[in-house]
Each structure stands twice: as structure tokens, then as C-alpha cells.
Amino acid sequence: MKTQNDGKQMKCVWTFPPPNKTEKTFGKHPTQKPLPLLERCILSASNIGDLIFDPFMGSGTTGVAALKHGRRFCGCELEEDFFELAKKRLEK
């Protein structure tokens, strides 16, 4: 994880601002995560070409981060409205 923090050991508490308006362009999910948070997790724990699975996909932020950084993505979402929202975000 040092590669994600300019060569320094990463602290155990991460602080990110909430998702901005451009991230919420496609609608509102009550617990949408900030894109930089998911990017840090994905970059720290996977390699290009790896498969990222999100069993509770919500609005698809994990998928956006995964695809942005060359990972494959598979996600599931029970709520049809949120599934459609995620689908729109991932198709963009």
C-alpha cells in the first residue's frame, strides 16, 4: 500500500470527501462511496486484469473504479432501480 501513498506507510484511518455532484450525475444512492476510496482499495489489492466482484453493487462505484484502472468487474444488486443506475454508469 506504500505505492498508493508516495512510498510512506499508509495510516489505518482514511479520509475522503463525500461523492461530488459529478459522481452523482446518474442519481442518488443513500450510501454511495467516494470514487477515490474504491480506487485506493482496488489499486492496493489487485493487479491489472484481475476480476473485482462486488456482491452489493449499489450505484456501481466499485465497477467504475475497477474499469478505470484496467480491472474486470462483476457486480450484483437486488434493487432494480440501483441496478439500472449502475448499468448506466458502467456503460458510460
PDB file of N, CA and C in Angstrom:
ATOM      1  N   MET A   1       0.811  -1.192   0.000  1.00  0.00           N
ATOM      2  CA  MET A   1       0.000   0.000   0.000  1.00  0.00           C
ATOM      3  C   MET A   1       0.857   1.260   0.000  1.00  0.00           C
ATOM      4  N   LYS A   2       2.141   1.109   0.200  1.00  0.00           N
ATOM      5  CA  LYS A   2       3.019   2.274   0.147  1.00  0.00           C
ATOM      6  C   LYS A   2       3.016   2.908  -1.234  1.00  0.00           C
ATOM      7  N   THR A   3       2.804   2.088  -2.257  1.00  0.00           N
ATOM      8  CA  THR A   3       2.789   2.636  -3.616  1.00  0.00           C
ATOM      9  C   THR A   3       1.629   3.605  -3.820  1.00  0.00           C
ATOM     10  N   GLN A   4       0.603   3.501  -3.010  1.00  0.00           N
ATOM     11  CA  GLN A   4      -0.547   4.396  -3.101  1.00  0.00           C
ATOM     12  C   GLN A   4      -0.397   5.623  -2.214  1.00  0.00           C
ATOM     13  N   ASN A   5       0.713   5.723  -1.476  1.00  0.00           N
ATOM     14  CA  ASN A   5       0.883   6.807  -0.505  1.00  0.00           C
ATOM     15  C   ASN A   5       2.282   7.413  -0.591  1.00  0.00           C
ATOM     16  N   ASP A   6       2.770   7.631  -1.795  1.00  0.00           N
ATOM     17  CA  ASP A   6       4.088   8.253  -2.010  1.00  0.00           C
ATOM     18  C   ASP A   6       5.209   7.554  -1.253  1.00  0.00           C
ATOM     19  N   GLY A   7       5.156   6.219  -1.162  1.00  0.00           N
ATOM     20  CA  GLY A   7       6.221   5.445  -0.535  1.00  0.00           C
ATOM     21  C   GLY A   7       6.171   5.388   0.979  1.00  0.00           C
ATOM     22  N   LYS A   8       5.185   6.029   1.586  1.00  0.00           N
ATOM     23  CA  LYS A   8       5.066   6.025   3.047  1.00  0.00           C
ATOM     24  C   LYS A   8       4.021   4.999   3.482  1.00  0.00           C
ATOM     25  N   GLN A   9       4.219   4.464   4.690  1.00  0.00           N
ATOM     26  CA  GLN A   9       3.236   3.529   5.236  1.00  0.00           C
ATOM     27  C   GLN A   9       1.889   4.232   5.364  1.00  0.00           C
ATOM     28  N   MET A  10       0.846   3.591   4.879  1.00  0.00           N
ATOM     29  CA  MET A  10      -0.474   4.188   4.923  1.00  0.00           C
ATOM     30  C   MET A  10      -1.058   4.082   6.328  1.00  0.00           C
ATOM     31  N   LYS A  11      -1.737   5.107   6.744  1.00  0.00           N
ATOM     32  CA  LYS A  11      -2.374   5.100   8.063  1.00  0.00           C
ATOM     33  C   LYS A  11      -3.621   4.223   8.032  1.00  0.00           C
ATOM     34  N   CYS A  12      -4.091   3.852   9.211  1.00  0.00           N
ATOM     35  CA  CYS A  12      -5.248   2.962   9.287  1.00  0.00           C
ATOM     36  C   CYS A  12      -6.575   3.714   9.161  1.00  0.00           C
ATOM     37  N   VAL A  13      -6.552   5.040   9.218  1.00  0.00           N
ATOM     38  CA  VAL A  13      -7.767   5.825   9.036  1.00  0.00           C
ATOM     39  C   VAL A  13      -7.617   6.623   7.745  1.00  0.00           C
ATOM     40  N   TRP A  14      -8.529   6.402   6.822  1.00  0.00           N
ATOM     41  CA  TRP A  14      -8.501   7.114   5.543  1.00  0.00           C
ATOM     42  C   TRP A  14      -9.618   8.151   5.549  1.00  0.00           C
ATOM     43  N   THR A  15      -9.331   9.319   5.050  1.00  0.00           N
ATOM     44  CA  THR A  15     -10.332  10.376   4.990  1.00  0.00           C
ATOM     45  C   THR A  15     -10.532  10.803   3.543  1.00  0.00           C
ATOM     46  N   PHE A  16     -11.772  10.787   3.099  1.00  0.00           N
ATOM     47  CA  PHE A  16     -12.123  11.199   1.744  1.00  0.00           C
ATOM     48  C   PHE A  16     -13.345  12.102   1.819  1.00  0.00           C
ATOM     49  N   PRO A  17     -13.431  13.096   0.946  1.00  0.00           N
ATOM     50  CA  PRO A  17     -14.660  13.894   0.902  1.00  0.00           C
ATOM     51  C   PRO A  17     -15.803  13.045   0.348  1.00  0.00           C
ATOM     52  N   PRO A  18     -17.042  13.406   0.648  1.00  0.00           N
ATOM     53  CA  PRO A  18     -18.174  12.647   0.101  1.00  0.00           C
ATOM     54  C   PRO A  18     -18.214  12.776  -1.422  1.00  0.00           C
ATOM     55  N   PRO A  19     -18.949  11.889  -2.086  1.00  0.00           N
ATOM     56  CA  PRO A  19     -19.052  11.965  -3.552  1.00  0.00           C
ATOM     57  C   PRO A  19     -19.533  13.349  -3.998  1.00  0.00           C
ATOM     58  N   ASN A  20     -18.896  13.876  -5.029  1.00  0.00           N
ATOM     59  CA  ASN A  20     -19.290  15.201  -5.521  1.00  0.00           C
ATOM     60  C   ASN A  20     -20.455  15.091  -6.506  1.00  0.00           C
ATOM     61  N   LYS A  21     -20.925  16.239  -6.973  1.00  0.00           N
ATOM     62  CA  LYS A  21     -22.108  16.262  -7.853  1.00  0.00           C
ATOM     63  C   LYS A  21     -21.893  15.489  -9.147  1.00  0.00           C
ATOM     64  N   THR A  22     -20.682  15.540  -9.706  1.00  0.00           N
ATOM     65  CA  THR A  22     -20.458  14.818 -10.962  1.00  0.00           C
ATOM     66  C   THR A  22     -20.515  13.311 -10.753  1.00  0.00           C
ATOM     67  N   GLU A  23     -20.140  12.834  -9.561  1.00  0.00           N
ATOM     68  CA  GLU A  23     -20.249  11.402  -9.277  1.00  0.00           C
ATOM     69  C   GLU A  23     -21.703  10.988  -9.134  1.00  0.00           C
ATOM     70  N   LYS A  24     -22.559  11.917  -8.719  1.00  0.00           N
ATOM     71  CA  LYS A  24     -23.971  11.599  -8.508  1.00  0.00           C
ATOM     72  C   LYS A  24     -24.829  12.027  -9.697  1.00  0.00           C
ATOM     73  N   THR A  25     -24.211  12.224 -10.839  1.00  0.00           N
ATOM     74  CA  THR A  25     -24.913  12.656 -12.043  1.00  0.00           C
ATOM     75  C   THR A  25     -26.075  11.737 -12.386  1.00  0.00           C
ATOM     76  N   PHE A  26     -25.890  10.450 -12.177  1.00  0.00           N
ATOM     77  CA  PHE A  26     -26.896   9.482 -12.600  1.00  0.00           C
ATOM     78  C   PHE A  26     -27.993   9.250 -11.567  1.00  0.00           C
ATOM     79  N   GLY A  27     -27.966   9.903 -10.451  1.00  0.00           N
ATOM     80  CA  GLY A  27     -28.982   9.698  -9.429  1.00  0.00           C
ATOM     81  C   GLY A  27     -28.361   9.583  -8.066  1.00  0.00           C
ATOM     82  N   LYS A  28     -29.190   9.325  -7.086  1.00  0.00           N
ATOM     83  CA  LYS A  28     -28.680   9.288  -5.718  1.00  0.00           C
ATOM     84  C   LYS A  28     -28.864   7.906  -5.113  1.00  0.00           C
ATOM     85  N   HIS A  29     -27.800   7.409  -4.558  1.00  0.00           N
ATOM     86  CA  HIS A  29     -27.839   6.175  -3.775  1.00  0.00           C
ATOM     87  C   HIS A  29     -27.562   6.607  -2.342  1.00  0.00           C
ATOM     88  N   PRO A  30     -28.304   6.107  -1.360  1.00  0.00           N
ATOM     89  CA  PRO A  30     -28.158   6.605   0.013  1.00  0.00           C
ATOM     90  C   PRO A  30     -26.782   6.377   0.639  1.00  0.00           C
ATOM     91  N   THR A  31     -26.030   5.410   0.149  1.00  0.00           N
ATOM     92  CA  THR A  31     -24.712   5.149   0.750  1.00  0.00           C
ATOM     93  C   THR A  31     -23.607   5.104  -0.299  1.00  0.00           C
ATOM     94  N   GLN A  32     -23.717   5.942  -1.319  1.00  0.00           N
ATOM     95  CA  GLN A  32     -22.698   5.945  -2.372  1.00  0.00           C
ATOM     96  C   GLN A  32     -21.337   6.286  -1.782  1.00  0.00           C
ATOM     97  N   LYS A  33     -20.343   5.503  -2.178  1.00  0.00           N
ATOM     98  CA  LYS A  33     -18.970   5.689  -1.691  1.00  0.00           C
ATOM     99  C   LYS A  33     -18.208   6.620  -2.628  1.00  0.00           C
ATOM    100  N   PRO A  34     -17.254   7.380  -2.089  1.00  0.00           N
ATOM    101  CA  PRO A  34     -16.430   8.239  -2.949  1.00  0.00           C
ATOM    102  C   PRO A  34     -15.554   7.397  -3.876  1.00  0.00           C
ATOM    103  N   LEU A  35     -15.472   7.790  -5.131  1.00  0.00           N
ATOM    104  CA  LEU A  35     -14.661   7.071  -6.107  1.00  0.00           C
ATOM    105  C   LEU A  35     -13.206   6.912  -5.647  1.00  0.00           C
ATOM    106  N   PRO A  36     -12.558   7.946  -5.076  1.00  0.00           N
ATOM    107  CA  PRO A  36     -11.164   7.772  -4.631  1.00  0.00           C
ATOM    108  C   PRO A  36     -10.980   6.673  -3.577  1.00  0.00           C
ATOM    109  N   LEU A  37     -11.981   6.438  -2.747  1.00  0.00           N
ATOM    110  CA  LEU A  37     -11.902   5.362  -1.751  1.00  0.00           C
ATOM    111  C   LEU A  37     -11.821   4.006  -2.442  1.00  0.00           C
ATOM    112  N   LEU A  38     -12.712   3.765  -3.393  1.00  0.00           N
ATOM    113  CA  LEU A  38     -12.704   2.486  -4.100  1.00  0.00           C
ATOM    114  C   LEU A  38     -11.462   2.336  -4.961  1.00  0.00           C
ATOM    115  N   GLU A  39     -10.994   3.433  -5.548  1.00  0.00           N
ATOM    116  CA  GLU A  39      -9.765   3.371  -6.340  1.00  0.00           C
ATOM    117  C   GLU A  39      -8.587   2.949  -5.466  1.00  0.00           C
ATOM    118  N   ARG A  40      -8.483   3.512  -4.285  1.00  0.00           N
ATOM    119  CA  ARG A  40      -7.377   3.143  -3.390  1.00  0.00           C
ATOM    120  C   ARG A  40      -7.442   1.665  -3.028  1.00  0.00           C
ATOM    121  N   CYS A  41      -8.621   1.188  -2.692  1.00  0.00           N
ATOM    122  CA  CYS A  41      -8.774  -0.231  -2.338  1.00  0.00           C
ATOM    123  C   CYS A  41      -8.390  -1.134  -3.507  1.00  0.00           C
ATOM    124  N   ILE A  42      -8.882  -0.814  -4.687  1.00  0.00           N
ATOM    125  CA  ILE A  42      -8.623  -1.649  -5.864  1.00  0.00           C
ATOM    126  C   ILE A  42      -7.152  -1.615  -6.254  1.00  0.00           C
ATOM    127  N   LEU A  43      -6.556  -0.439  -6.284  1.00  0.00           N
ATOM    128  CA  LEU A  43      -5.144  -0.328  -6.660  1.00  0.00           C
ATOM    129  C   LEU A  43      -4.224  -1.003  -5.648  1.00  0.00           C
ATOM    130  N   SER A  44      -4.626  -1.012  -4.389  1.00  0.00           N
ATOM    131  CA  SER A  44      -3.804  -1.604  -3.335  1.00  0.00           C
ATOM    132  C   SER A  44      -3.901  -3.118  -3.270  1.00  0.00           C
ATOM    133  N   ALA A  45      -5.004  -3.670  -3.768  1.00  0.00           N
ATOM    134  CA  ALA A  45      -5.251  -5.095  -3.543  1.00  0.00           C
ATOM    135  C   ALA A  45      -5.418  -5.924  -4.810  1.00  0.00           C
ATOM    136  N   SER A  46      -5.151  -5.341  -5.977  1.00  0.00           N
ATOM    137  CA  SER A  46      -5.332  -6.104  -7.215  1.00  0.00           C
ATOM    138  C   SER A  46      -4.341  -5.647  -8.273  1.00  0.00           C
ATOM    139  N   ASN A  47      -4.305  -6.415  -9.341  1.00  0.00           N
ATOM    140  CA  ASN A  47      -3.434  -6.112 -10.474  1.00  0.00           C
ATOM    141  C   ASN A  47      -4.276  -5.902 -11.724  1.00  0.00           C
ATOM    142  N   ILE A  48      -3.697  -5.244 -12.719  1.00  0.00           N
ATOM    143  CA  ILE A  48      -4.386  -5.053 -13.993  1.00  0.00           C
ATOM    144  C   ILE A  48      -4.838  -6.418 -14.517  1.00  0.00           C
ATOM    145  N   GLY A  49      -6.084  -6.474 -14.967  1.00  0.00           N
ATOM    146  CA  GLY A  49      -6.645  -7.715 -15.499  1.00  0.00           C
ATOM    147  C   GLY A  49      -7.352  -8.573 -14.470  1.00  0.00           C
ATOM    148  N   ASP A  50      -7.159  -8.296 -13.176  1.00  0.00           N
ATOM    149  CA  ASP A  50      -7.851  -9.058 -12.133  1.00  0.00           C
ATOM    150  C   ASP A  50      -9.356  -8.810 -12.214  1.00  0.00           C
ATOM    151  N   LEU A  51     -10.117  -9.733 -11.630  1.00  0.00           N
ATOM    152  CA  LEU A  51     -11.568  -9.614 -11.573  1.00  0.00           C
ATOM    153  C   LEU A  51     -11.961  -9.054 -10.213  1.00  0.00           C
ATOM    154  N   ILE A  52     -12.699  -7.956 -10.217  1.00  0.00           N
ATOM    155  CA  ILE A  52     -13.216  -7.351  -8.993  1.00  0.00           C
ATOM    156  C   ILE A  52     -14.698  -7.709  -8.909  1.00  0.00           C
ATOM    157  N   PHE A  53     -15.116  -8.287  -7.785  1.00  0.00           N
ATOM    158  CA  PHE A  53     -16.511  -8.685  -7.585  1.00  0.00           C
ATOM    159  C   PHE A  53     -17.114  -7.867  -6.456  1.00  0.00           C
ATOM    160  N   ASP A  54     -18.273  -7.271  -6.710  1.00  0.00           N
ATOM    161  CA  ASP A  54     -18.998  -6.510  -5.696  1.00  0.00           C
ATOM    162  C   ASP A  54     -20.389  -7.119  -5.563  1.00  0.00           C
ATOM    163  N   PRO A  55     -20.646  -7.885  -4.481  1.00  0.00           N
ATOM    164  CA  PRO A  55     -21.936  -8.553  -4.330  1.00  0.00           C
ATOM    165  C   PRO A  55     -23.073  -7.611  -3.930  1.00  0.00           C
ATOM    166  N   PHE A  56     -22.740  -6.374  -3.561  1.00  0.00           N
ATOM    167  CA  PHE A  56     -23.742  -5.375  -3.178  1.00  0.00           C
ATOM    168  C   PHE A  56     -23.423  -4.100  -3.959  1.00  0.00           C
ATOM    169  N   MET A  57     -23.623  -4.130  -5.263  1.00  0.00           N
ATOM    170  CA  MET A  57     -23.103  -3.139  -6.196  1.00  0.00           C
ATOM    171  C   MET A  57     -23.661  -1.728  -6.020  1.00  0.00           C
ATOM    172  N   GLY A  58     -24.884  -1.602  -5.546  1.00  0.00           N
ATOM    173  CA  GLY A  58     -25.457  -0.267  -5.382  1.00  0.00           C
ATOM    174  C   GLY A  58     -25.432   0.512  -6.677  1.00  0.00           C
ATOM    175  N   SER A  59     -24.835   1.707  -6.650  1.00  0.00           N
ATOM    176  CA  SER A  59     -24.811   2.557  -7.845  1.00  0.00           C
ATOM    177  C   SER A  59     -23.620   2.282  -8.750  1.00  0.00           C
ATOM    178  N   GLY A  60     -22.781   1.304  -8.406  1.00  0.00           N
ATOM    179  CA  GLY A  60     -21.719   0.862  -9.308  1.00  0.00           C
ATOM    180  C   GLY A  60     -20.375   1.548  -9.182  1.00  0.00           C
ATOM    181  N   THR A  61     -20.132   2.259  -8.086  1.00  0.00           N
ATOM    182  CA  THR A  61     -18.865   2.977  -7.938  1.00  0.00           C
ATOM    183  C   THR A  61     -17.667   2.034  -7.973  1.00  0.00           C
ATOM    184  N   THR A  62     -17.787   0.859  -7.379  1.00  0.00           N
ATOM    185  CA  THR A  62     -16.685  -0.108  -7.419  1.00  0.00           C
ATOM    186  C   THR A  62     -16.381  -0.500  -8.859  1.00  0.00           C
ATOM    187  N   GLY A  63     -17.414  -0.714  -9.646  1.00  0.00           N
ATOM    188  CA  GLY A  63     -17.219  -1.062 -11.050  1.00  0.00           C
ATOM    189  C   GLY A  63     -16.567   0.052 -11.840  1.00  0.00           C
ATOM    190  N   VAL A  64     -16.970   1.281 -11.575  1.00  0.00           N
ATOM    191  CA  VAL A  64     -16.368   2.432 -12.252  1.00  0.00           C
ATOM    192  C   VAL A  64     -14.870   2.475 -11.955  1.00  0.00           C
ATOM    193  N   ALA A  65     -14.515   2.310 -10.680  1.00  0.00           N
ATOM    194  CA  ALA A  65     -13.100   2.334 -10.286  1.00  0.00           C
ATOM    195  C   ALA A  65     -12.335   1.168 -10.906  1.00  0.00           C
ATOM    196  N   ALA A  66     -12.939  -0.009 -10.903  1.00  0.00           N
ATOM    197  CA  ALA A  66     -12.273  -1.194 -11.450  1.00  0.00           C
ATOM    198  C   ALA A  66     -11.977  -1.019 -12.938  1.00  0.00           C
ATOM    199  N   LEU A  67     -12.971  -0.627 -13.695  1.00  0.00           N
ATOM    200  CA  LEU A  67     -12.796  -0.475 -15.141  1.00  0.00           C
ATOM    201  C   LEU A  67     -11.825   0.655 -15.470  1.00  0.00           C
ATOM    202  N   LYS A  68     -11.876   1.715 -14.692  1.00  0.00           N
ATOM    203  CA  LYS A  68     -10.970   2.856 -14.898  1.00  0.00           C
ATOM    204  C   LYS A  68      -9.506   2.444 -14.775  1.00  0.00           C
ATOM    205  N   HIS A  69      -9.241   1.434 -13.944  1.00  0.00           N
ATOM    206  CA  HIS A  69      -7.864   1.020 -13.673  1.00  0.00           C
ATOM    207  C   HIS A  69      -7.521  -0.344 -14.277  1.00  0.00           C
ATOM    208  N   GLY A  70      -8.243  -0.733 -15.326  1.00  0.00           N
ATOM    209  CA  GLY A  70      -7.875  -1.920 -16.089  1.00  0.00           C
ATOM    210  C   GLY A  70      -8.209  -3.249 -15.447  1.00  0.00           C
ATOM    211  N   ARG A  71      -9.160  -3.239 -14.522  1.00  0.00           N
ATOM    212  CA  ARG A  71      -9.620  -4.496 -13.923  1.00  0.00           C
ATOM    213  C   ARG A  71     -10.934  -4.903 -14.584  1.00  0.00           C
ATOM    214  N   ARG A  72     -11.228  -6.184 -14.549  1.00  0.00           N
ATOM    215  CA  ARG A  72     -12.539  -6.660 -14.992  1.00  0.00           C
ATOM    216  C   ARG A  72     -13.484  -6.517 -13.811  1.00  0.00           C
ATOM    217  N   PHE A  73     -14.785  -6.478 -14.070  1.00  0.00           N
ATOM    218  CA  PHE A  73     -15.734  -6.246 -12.986  1.00  0.00           C
ATOM    219  C   PHE A  73     -16.975  -7.100 -13.143  1.00  0.00           C
ATOM    220  N   CYS A  74     -17.459  -7.619 -12.019  1.00  0.00           N
ATOM    221  CA  CYS A  74     -18.723  -8.342 -11.943  1.00  0.00           C
ATOM    222  C   CYS A  74     -19.427  -7.861 -10.682  1.00  0.00           C
ATOM    223  N   GLY A  75     -20.682  -7.460 -10.805  1.00  0.00           N
ATOM    224  CA  GLY A  75     -21.406  -6.980  -9.639  1.00  0.00           C
ATOM    225  C   GLY A  75     -22.835  -7.486  -9.617  1.00  0.00           C
ATOM    226  N   CYS A  76     -23.420  -7.531  -8.424  1.00  0.00           N
ATOM    227  CA  CYS A  76     -24.808  -7.954  -8.220  1.00  0.00           C
ATOM    228  C   CYS A  76     -25.534  -6.880  -7.419  1.00  0.00           C
ATOM    229  N   GLU A  77     -26.799  -6.708  -7.702  1.00  0.00           N
ATOM    230  CA  GLU A  77     -27.618  -5.756  -6.951  1.00  0.00           C
ATOM    231  C   GLU A  77     -29.068  -6.225  -6.983  1.00  0.00           C
ATOM    232  N   LEU A  78     -29.686  -6.353  -5.803  1.00  0.00           N
ATOM    233  CA  LEU A  78     -31.078  -6.802  -5.707  1.00  0.00           C
ATOM    234  C   LEU A  78     -32.075  -5.728  -6.132  1.00  0.00           C
ATOM    235  N   GLU A  79     -31.796  -4.477  -5.779  1.00  0.00           N
ATOM    236  CA  GLU A  79     -32.722  -3.382  -6.080  1.00  0.00           C
ATOM    237  C   GLU A  79     -32.640  -3.020  -7.562  1.00  0.00           C
ATOM    238  N   GLU A  80     -33.728  -3.210  -8.283  1.00  0.00           N
ATOM    239  CA  GLU A  80     -33.719  -2.995  -9.731  1.00  0.00           C
ATOM    240  C   GLU A  80     -33.348  -1.561 -10.107  1.00  0.00           C
ATOM    241  N   ASP A  81     -33.848  -0.581  -9.352  1.00  0.00           N
ATOM    242  CA  ASP A  81     -33.530   0.819  -9.667  1.00  0.00           C
ATOM    243  C   ASP A  81     -32.031   1.084  -9.557  1.00  0.00           C
ATOM    244  N   PHE A  82     -31.404   0.548  -8.516  1.00  0.00           N
ATOM    245  CA  PHE A  82     -29.964   0.753  -8.353  1.00  0.00           C
ATOM    246  C   PHE A  82     -29.178  -0.040  -9.393  1.00  0.00           C
ATOM    247  N   PHE A  83     -29.677  -1.223  -9.754  1.00  0.00           N
ATOM    248  CA  PHE A  83     -29.020  -1.996 -10.806  1.00  0.00           C
ATOM    249  C   PHE A  83     -29.009  -1.207 -12.114  1.00  0.00           C
ATOM    250  N   GLU A  84     -30.147  -0.617 -12.459  1.00  0.00           N
ATOM    251  CA  GLU A  84     -30.231   0.180 -13.691  1.00  0.00           C
ATOM    252  C   GLU A  84     -29.323   1.402 -13.611  1.00  0.00           C
ATOM    253  N   LEU A  85     -29.253   2.019 -12.443  1.00  0.00           N
ATOM    254  CA  LEU A  85     -28.354   3.154 -12.234  1.00  0.00           C
ATOM    255  C   LEU A  85     -26.902   2.736 -12.455  1.00  0.00           C
ATOM    256  N   ALA A  86     -26.510   1.626 -11.856  1.00  0.00           N
ATOM    257  CA  ALA A  86     -25.138   1.124 -12.017  1.00  0.00           C
ATOM    258  C   ALA A  86     -24.858   0.782 -13.477  1.00  0.00           C
ATOM    259  N   LYS A  87     -25.821   0.173 -14.128  1.00  0.00           N
ATOM    260  CA  LYS A  87     -25.659  -0.199 -15.540  1.00  0.00           C
ATOM    261  C   LYS A  87     -25.375   1.039 -16.390  1.00  0.00           C
ATOM    262  N   LYS A  88     -26.119   2.122 -16.150  1.00  0.00           N
ATOM    263  CA  LYS A  88     -25.892   3.371 -16.890  1.00  0.00           C
ATOM    264  C   LYS A  88     -24.495   3.919 -16.625  1.00  0.00           C
ATOM    265  N   ARG A  89     -24.083   3.899 -15.362  1.00  0.00           N
ATOM    266  CA  ARG A  89     -22.746   4.420 -15.026  1.00  0.00           C
ATOM    267  C   ARG A  89     -21.654   3.596 -15.690  1.00  0.00           C
ATOM    268  N   LEU A  90     -21.817   2.285 -15.706  1.00  0.00           N
ATOM    269  CA  LEU A  90     -20.777   1.412 -16.250  1.00  0.00           C
ATOM    270  C   LEU A  90     -20.740   1.437 -17.776  1.00  0.00           C
ATOM    271  N   GLU A  91     -21.855   1.754 -18.405  1.00  0.00           N
ATOM    272  CA  GLU A  91     -21.889   1.842 -19.865  1.00  0.00           C
ATOM    273  C   GLU A  91     -21.284   3.144 -20.376  1.00  0.00           C
ATOM    274  N   LYS A  92     -21.188   4.139 -19.516  1.00  0.00           N
ATOM    275  CA  LYS A  92     -20.674   5.453 -19.920  1.00  0.00           C
ATOM    276  C   LYS A  92     -19.201   5.449 -20.199  1.00  0.00           C
TER     277      LYS A  92
END
